[in-house]
Amino acid sequence: MIVFSVVNSKKAVFDVDNPIQFVTTQAETVLKQIIARYPYETNDDSPCLKTEAEHIGNELCNSLQDKIAVAGAHIFSFQLKEISYSSEIAAGMLKKQQAASIIAARQTIVQGAVEIAVEAIDSLRQRGVELNERERAHMVTNILTVICSDKDAQPTVALQ
């Protein structure tokens, strides 16, 4: 969305054929140049389209102002209303978002499982049950396997 006005009618009439069409064409060019530099979203604090719309809008406005000064126009604002991506890019963005969610969930599960395993060993020790290094490792492995697995656990009994 572009808000502008013609502030120099002489330039608008004599220096360009159609000031509105000129501003529109320049806006499309600026939009493609600026937007191409920013990802839709990021995992760090770097600027992205999702969180820095005002900053990017100011950059769009300033860049467009430089290009349309010859038309005697002044840009008041140039803001993104919506962004449309091709279906392939949108699908890729969705997969990336899903993967990030899965990783975050797995990290939370693993952190919780480690805490549970440590607490289980400490609780046994406090109750007088001493486990050797091999038994502790086996117990931790079993707890982590059961908690971190995405399938239900199947109990087994050792025959020896």
C-alpha atoms as a PDB file:
ATOM      1  CA  MET A   1       0.000   0.000   0.000  1.00  0.00           C
ATOM      2  CA  ILE A   2       1.461   3.310  -1.081  1.00  0.00           C
ATOM      3  CA  VAL A   3       0.327   6.708   0.117  1.00  0.00           C
ATOM      4  CA  PHE A   4       1.764   9.571  -1.892  1.00  0.00           C
ATOM      5  CA  SER A   5       0.928  12.969  -3.271  1.00  0.00           C
ATOM      6  CA  VAL A   6       2.180  15.096  -6.095  1.00  0.00           C
ATOM      7  CA  VAL A   7       4.022  18.042  -4.570  1.00  0.00           C
ATOM      8  CA  ASN A   8       5.458  19.502  -7.772  1.00  0.00           C
ATOM      9  CA  SER A   9       2.877  19.490 -10.544  1.00  0.00           C
ATOM     10  CA  LYS A  10       5.352  20.902 -13.079  1.00  0.00           C
ATOM     11  CA  LYS A  11       7.649  17.865 -12.669  1.00  0.00           C
ATOM     12  CA  ALA A  12       4.657  15.535 -12.681  1.00  0.00           C
ATOM     13  CA  VAL A  13       3.399  16.933 -15.977  1.00  0.00           C
ATOM     14  CA  PHE A  14       6.629  17.568 -17.871  1.00  0.00           C
ATOM     15  CA  ASP A  15       9.132  14.989 -16.558  1.00  0.00           C
ATOM     16  CA  VAL A  16       6.990  11.836 -16.673  1.00  0.00           C
ATOM     17  CA  ASP A  17       4.143  10.740 -18.921  1.00  0.00           C
ATOM     18  CA  ASN A  18       1.817   9.395 -16.231  1.00  0.00           C
ATOM     19  CA  PRO A  19       2.821  10.124 -12.606  1.00  0.00           C
ATOM     20  CA  ILE A  20       0.541   7.478 -11.088  1.00  0.00           C
ATOM     21  CA  GLN A  21       1.772   4.780 -13.465  1.00  0.00           C
ATOM     22  CA  PHE A  22       5.366   5.923 -12.909  1.00  0.00           C
ATOM     23  CA  VAL A  23       5.038   5.646  -9.119  1.00  0.00           C
ATOM     24  CA  THR A  24       3.347   2.252  -9.436  1.00  0.00           C
ATOM     25  CA  THR A  25       6.062   0.885 -11.733  1.00  0.00           C
ATOM     26  CA  GLN A  26       8.853   2.198  -9.514  1.00  0.00           C
ATOM     27  CA  ALA A  27       7.108   0.787  -6.444  1.00  0.00           C
ATOM     28  CA  GLU A  28       7.020  -2.701  -7.973  1.00  0.00           C
ATOM     29  CA  THR A  29      10.736  -2.472  -8.739  1.00  0.00           C
ATOM     30  CA  VAL A  30      11.624  -1.251  -5.242  1.00  0.00           C
ATOM     31  CA  LEU A  31       9.389  -3.871  -3.657  1.00  0.00           C
ATOM     32  CA  LYS A  32      11.118  -6.733  -5.506  1.00  0.00           C
ATOM     33  CA  GLN A  33      14.591  -5.385  -4.723  1.00  0.00           C
ATOM     34  CA  ILE A  34      13.997  -4.828  -0.997  1.00  0.00           C
ATOM     35  CA  ILE A  35      11.826  -7.868  -0.254  1.00  0.00           C
ATOM     36  CA  ALA A  36      14.346 -10.197  -1.897  1.00  0.00           C
ATOM     37  CA  ARG A  37      16.845  -9.271   0.846  1.00  0.00           C
ATOM     38  CA  TYR A  38      14.660 -10.454   3.728  1.00  0.00           C
ATOM     39  CA  PRO A  39      13.477 -13.942   4.614  1.00  0.00           C
ATOM     40  CA  TYR A  40       9.909 -14.384   5.789  1.00  0.00           C
ATOM     41  CA  GLU A  41      11.047 -15.459   9.262  1.00  0.00           C
ATOM     42  CA  THR A  42      14.296 -16.281  11.035  1.00  0.00           C
ATOM     43  CA  ASN A  43      15.393 -18.285  14.048  1.00  0.00           C
ATOM     44  CA  ASP A  44      17.678 -15.541  15.318  1.00  0.00           C
ATOM     45  CA  ASP A  45      17.107 -11.833  15.848  1.00  0.00           C
ATOM     46  CA  SER A  46      17.973 -10.783  12.299  1.00  0.00           C
ATOM     47  CA  PRO A  47      15.334  -8.713  10.460  1.00  0.00           C
ATOM     48  CA  CYS A  48      12.616 -10.639   8.665  1.00  0.00           C
ATOM     49  CA  LEU A  49       9.322  -9.830   6.963  1.00  0.00           C
ATOM     50  CA  LYS A  50       7.243 -11.385   9.728  1.00  0.00           C
ATOM     51  CA  THR A  51       8.593  -9.251  12.588  1.00  0.00           C
ATOM     52  CA  GLU A  52      10.118  -6.148  11.016  1.00  0.00           C
ATOM     53  CA  ALA A  53       7.294  -4.862   8.814  1.00  0.00           C
ATOM     54  CA  GLU A  54       7.655  -1.274  10.039  1.00  0.00           C
ATOM     55  CA  HIS A  55      11.429  -1.192   9.505  1.00  0.00           C
ATOM     56  CA  ILE A  56      11.094  -2.731   6.045  1.00  0.00           C
ATOM     57  CA  GLY A  57       8.212  -0.358   5.232  1.00  0.00           C
ATOM     58  CA  ASN A  58      10.459   2.607   6.055  1.00  0.00           C
ATOM     59  CA  GLU A  59      13.179   1.176   3.850  1.00  0.00           C
ATOM     60  CA  LEU A  60      10.660   0.700   1.033  1.00  0.00           C
ATOM     61  CA  CYS A  61       9.409   4.276   1.493  1.00  0.00           C
ATOM     62  CA  ASN A  62      12.891   5.829   1.447  1.00  0.00           C
ATOM     63  CA  SER A  63      14.048   3.814  -1.538  1.00  0.00           C
ATOM     64  CA  LEU A  64      10.905   4.618  -3.516  1.00  0.00           C
ATOM     65  CA  GLN A  65      11.183   8.306  -2.645  1.00  0.00           C
ATOM     66  CA  ASP A  66      14.639   8.385  -4.220  1.00  0.00           C
ATOM     67  CA  LYS A  67      13.309   6.827  -7.420  1.00  0.00           C
ATOM     68  CA  ILE A  68      10.196   8.984  -7.853  1.00  0.00           C
ATOM     69  CA  ALA A  69      11.600  12.410  -6.965  1.00  0.00           C
ATOM     70  CA  VAL A  70      11.796  13.110 -10.687  1.00  0.00           C
ATOM     71  CA  ALA A  71       7.990  12.818 -10.871  1.00  0.00           C
ATOM     72  CA  GLY A  72       7.461  15.553  -8.271  1.00  0.00           C
ATOM     73  CA  ALA A  73       5.797  13.141  -5.852  1.00  0.00           C
ATOM     74  CA  HIS A  74       6.248  12.595  -2.127  1.00  0.00           C
ATOM     75  CA  ILE A  75       5.828   9.164  -0.522  1.00  0.00           C
ATOM     76  CA  PHE A  76       4.148   9.231   2.890  1.00  0.00           C
ATOM     77  CA  SER A  77       4.130   5.480   3.446  1.00  0.00           C
ATOM     78  CA  PHE A  78       4.834   2.225   1.659  1.00  0.00           C
ATOM     79  CA  GLN A  79       3.685  -0.757   3.694  1.00  0.00           C
ATOM     80  CA  LEU A  80       3.222  -4.433   3.003  1.00  0.00           C
ATOM     81  CA  LYS A  81      -0.403  -5.493   3.042  1.00  0.00           C
ATOM     82  CA  GLU A  82       0.160  -9.149   2.249  1.00  0.00           C
ATOM     83  CA  ILE A  83       2.786 -11.395   0.748  1.00  0.00           C
ATOM     84  CA  SER A  84       1.840 -14.159  -1.642  1.00  0.00           C
ATOM     85  CA  TYR A  85       4.274 -17.000  -2.250  1.00  0.00           C
ATOM     86  CA  SER A  86       4.127 -19.683  -4.882  1.00  0.00           C
ATOM     87  CA  SER A  87       2.753 -23.000  -3.656  1.00  0.00           C
ATOM     88  CA  GLU A  88       6.226 -24.603  -3.767  1.00  0.00           C
ATOM     89  CA  ILE A  89       7.760 -21.909  -1.565  1.00  0.00           C
ATOM     90  CA  ALA A  90       4.780 -21.880   0.800  1.00  0.00           C
ATOM     91  CA  ALA A  91       5.010 -25.673   1.166  1.00  0.00           C
ATOM     92  CA  GLY A  92       8.738 -25.401   1.869  1.00  0.00           C
ATOM     93  CA  MET A  93       8.135 -22.704   4.476  1.00  0.00           C
ATOM     94  CA  LEU A  94       5.504 -24.879   6.152  1.00  0.00           C
ATOM     95  CA  LYS A  95       7.863 -27.868   6.234  1.00  0.00           C
ATOM     96  CA  LYS A  96      10.576 -25.713   7.787  1.00  0.00           C
ATOM     97  CA  GLN A  97       8.144 -24.431  10.424  1.00  0.00           C
ATOM     98  CA  GLN A  98       6.989 -27.975  11.202  1.00  0.00           C
ATOM     99  CA  ALA A  99      10.591 -29.193  11.470  1.00  0.00           C
ATOM    100  CA  ALA A 100      11.464 -26.381  13.878  1.00  0.00           C
ATOM    101  CA  SER A 101       8.432 -27.280  16.006  1.00  0.00           C
ATOM    102  CA  ILE A 102       9.383 -30.958  16.054  1.00  0.00           C
ATOM    103  CA  ILE A 103      12.958 -30.135  17.054  1.00  0.00           C
ATOM    104  CA  ALA A 104      11.793 -27.829  19.847  1.00  0.00           C
ATOM    105  CA  ALA A 105       9.384 -30.498  21.116  1.00  0.00           C
ATOM    106  CA  ARG A 106      12.081 -33.181  21.014  1.00  0.00           C
ATOM    107  CA  GLN A 107      14.505 -30.936  22.907  1.00  0.00           C
ATOM    108  CA  THR A 108      11.889 -30.401  25.603  1.00  0.00           C
ATOM    109  CA  ILE A 109      11.180 -34.135  25.795  1.00  0.00           C
ATOM    110  CA  VAL A 110      14.878 -35.022  26.052  1.00  0.00           C
ATOM    111  CA  GLN A 111      15.510 -32.400  28.741  1.00  0.00           C
ATOM    112  CA  GLY A 112      12.559 -33.742  30.723  1.00  0.00           C
ATOM    113  CA  ALA A 113      13.670 -37.350  30.248  1.00  0.00           C
ATOM    114  CA  VAL A 114      17.171 -36.565  31.501  1.00  0.00           C
ATOM    115  CA  GLU A 115      15.712 -34.868  34.576  1.00  0.00           C
ATOM    116  CA  ILE A 116      13.459 -37.871  35.233  1.00  0.00           C
ATOM    117  CA  ALA A 117      16.378 -40.306  34.871  1.00  0.00           C
ATOM    118  CA  VAL A 118      18.581 -38.292  37.247  1.00  0.00           C
ATOM    119  CA  GLU A 119      15.764 -37.982  39.775  1.00  0.00           C
ATOM    120  CA  ALA A 120      15.060 -41.740  39.561  1.00  0.00           C
ATOM    121  CA  ILE A 121      18.686 -42.644  40.282  1.00  0.00           C
ATOM    122  CA  ASP A 122      18.890 -40.080  43.116  1.00  0.00           C
ATOM    123  CA  SER A 123      15.618 -41.353  44.584  1.00  0.00           C
ATOM    124  CA  LEU A 124      16.874 -44.949  44.561  1.00  0.00           C
ATOM    125  CA  ARG A 125      20.147 -43.883  46.181  1.00  0.00           C
ATOM    126  CA  GLN A 126      18.235 -41.994  48.915  1.00  0.00           C
ATOM    127  CA  ARG A 127      16.234 -45.160  49.639  1.00  0.00           C
ATOM    128  CA  GLY A 128      19.368 -47.233  50.042  1.00  0.00           C
ATOM    129  CA  VAL A 129      19.421 -48.899  46.621  1.00  0.00           C
ATOM    130  CA  GLU A 130      22.928 -48.701  45.211  1.00  0.00           C
ATOM    131  CA  LEU A 131      23.433 -49.328  41.518  1.00  0.00           C
ATOM    132  CA  ASN A 132      26.775 -49.949  39.893  1.00  0.00           C
ATOM    133  CA  GLU A 133      27.865 -47.935  36.837  1.00  0.00           C
ATOM    134  CA  ARG A 134      26.541 -50.527  34.382  1.00  0.00           C
ATOM    135  CA  GLU A 135      23.135 -50.731  36.103  1.00  0.00           C
ATOM    136  CA  ARG A 136      22.808 -46.929  36.186  1.00  0.00           C
ATOM    137  CA  ALA A 137      23.684 -46.708  32.492  1.00  0.00           C
ATOM    138  CA  HIS A 138      21.163 -49.437  31.678  1.00  0.00           C
ATOM    139  CA  MET A 139      18.457 -47.713  33.736  1.00  0.00           C
ATOM    140  CA  VAL A 140      19.118 -44.305  32.149  1.00  0.00           C
ATOM    141  CA  THR A 141      19.072 -45.889  28.685  1.00  0.00           C
ATOM    142  CA  ASN A 142      15.722 -47.545  29.395  1.00  0.00           C
ATOM    143  CA  ILE A 143      14.171 -44.375  30.819  1.00  0.00           C
ATOM    144  CA  LEU A 144      15.369 -42.241  27.910  1.00  0.00           C
ATOM    145  CA  THR A 145      14.195 -44.842  25.396  1.00  0.00           C
ATOM    146  CA  VAL A 146      10.720 -45.060  26.887  1.00  0.00           C
ATOM    147  CA  ILE A 147      10.229 -41.324  27.330  1.00  0.00           C
ATOM    148  CA  CYS A 148      11.849 -40.137  24.089  1.00  0.00           C
ATOM    149  CA  SER A 149      10.364 -42.794  21.814  1.00  0.00           C
ATOM    150  CA  ASP A 150       7.454 -41.825  19.621  1.00  0.00           C
ATOM    151  CA  LYS A 151       6.063 -45.381  19.946  1.00  0.00           C
ATOM    152  CA  ASP A 152       4.648 -47.125  23.001  1.00  0.00           C
ATOM    153  CA  ALA A 153       7.144 -49.105  25.081  1.00  0.00           C
ATOM    154  CA  GLN A 154       7.005 -52.898  25.039  1.00  0.00           C
ATOM    155  CA  PRO A 155       8.145 -54.428  28.309  1.00  0.00           C
ATOM    156  CA  THR A 156      10.586 -57.312  28.074  1.00  0.00           C
ATOM    157  CA  VAL A 157      11.870 -59.727  30.708  1.00  0.00           C
ATOM    158  CA  ALA A 158      15.456 -60.937  30.741  1.00  0.00           C
ATOM    159  CA  LEU A 159      15.708 -64.748  30.700  1.00  0.00           C
ATOM    160  CA  GLN A 160      19.115 -64.988  32.317  1.00  0.00           C
END
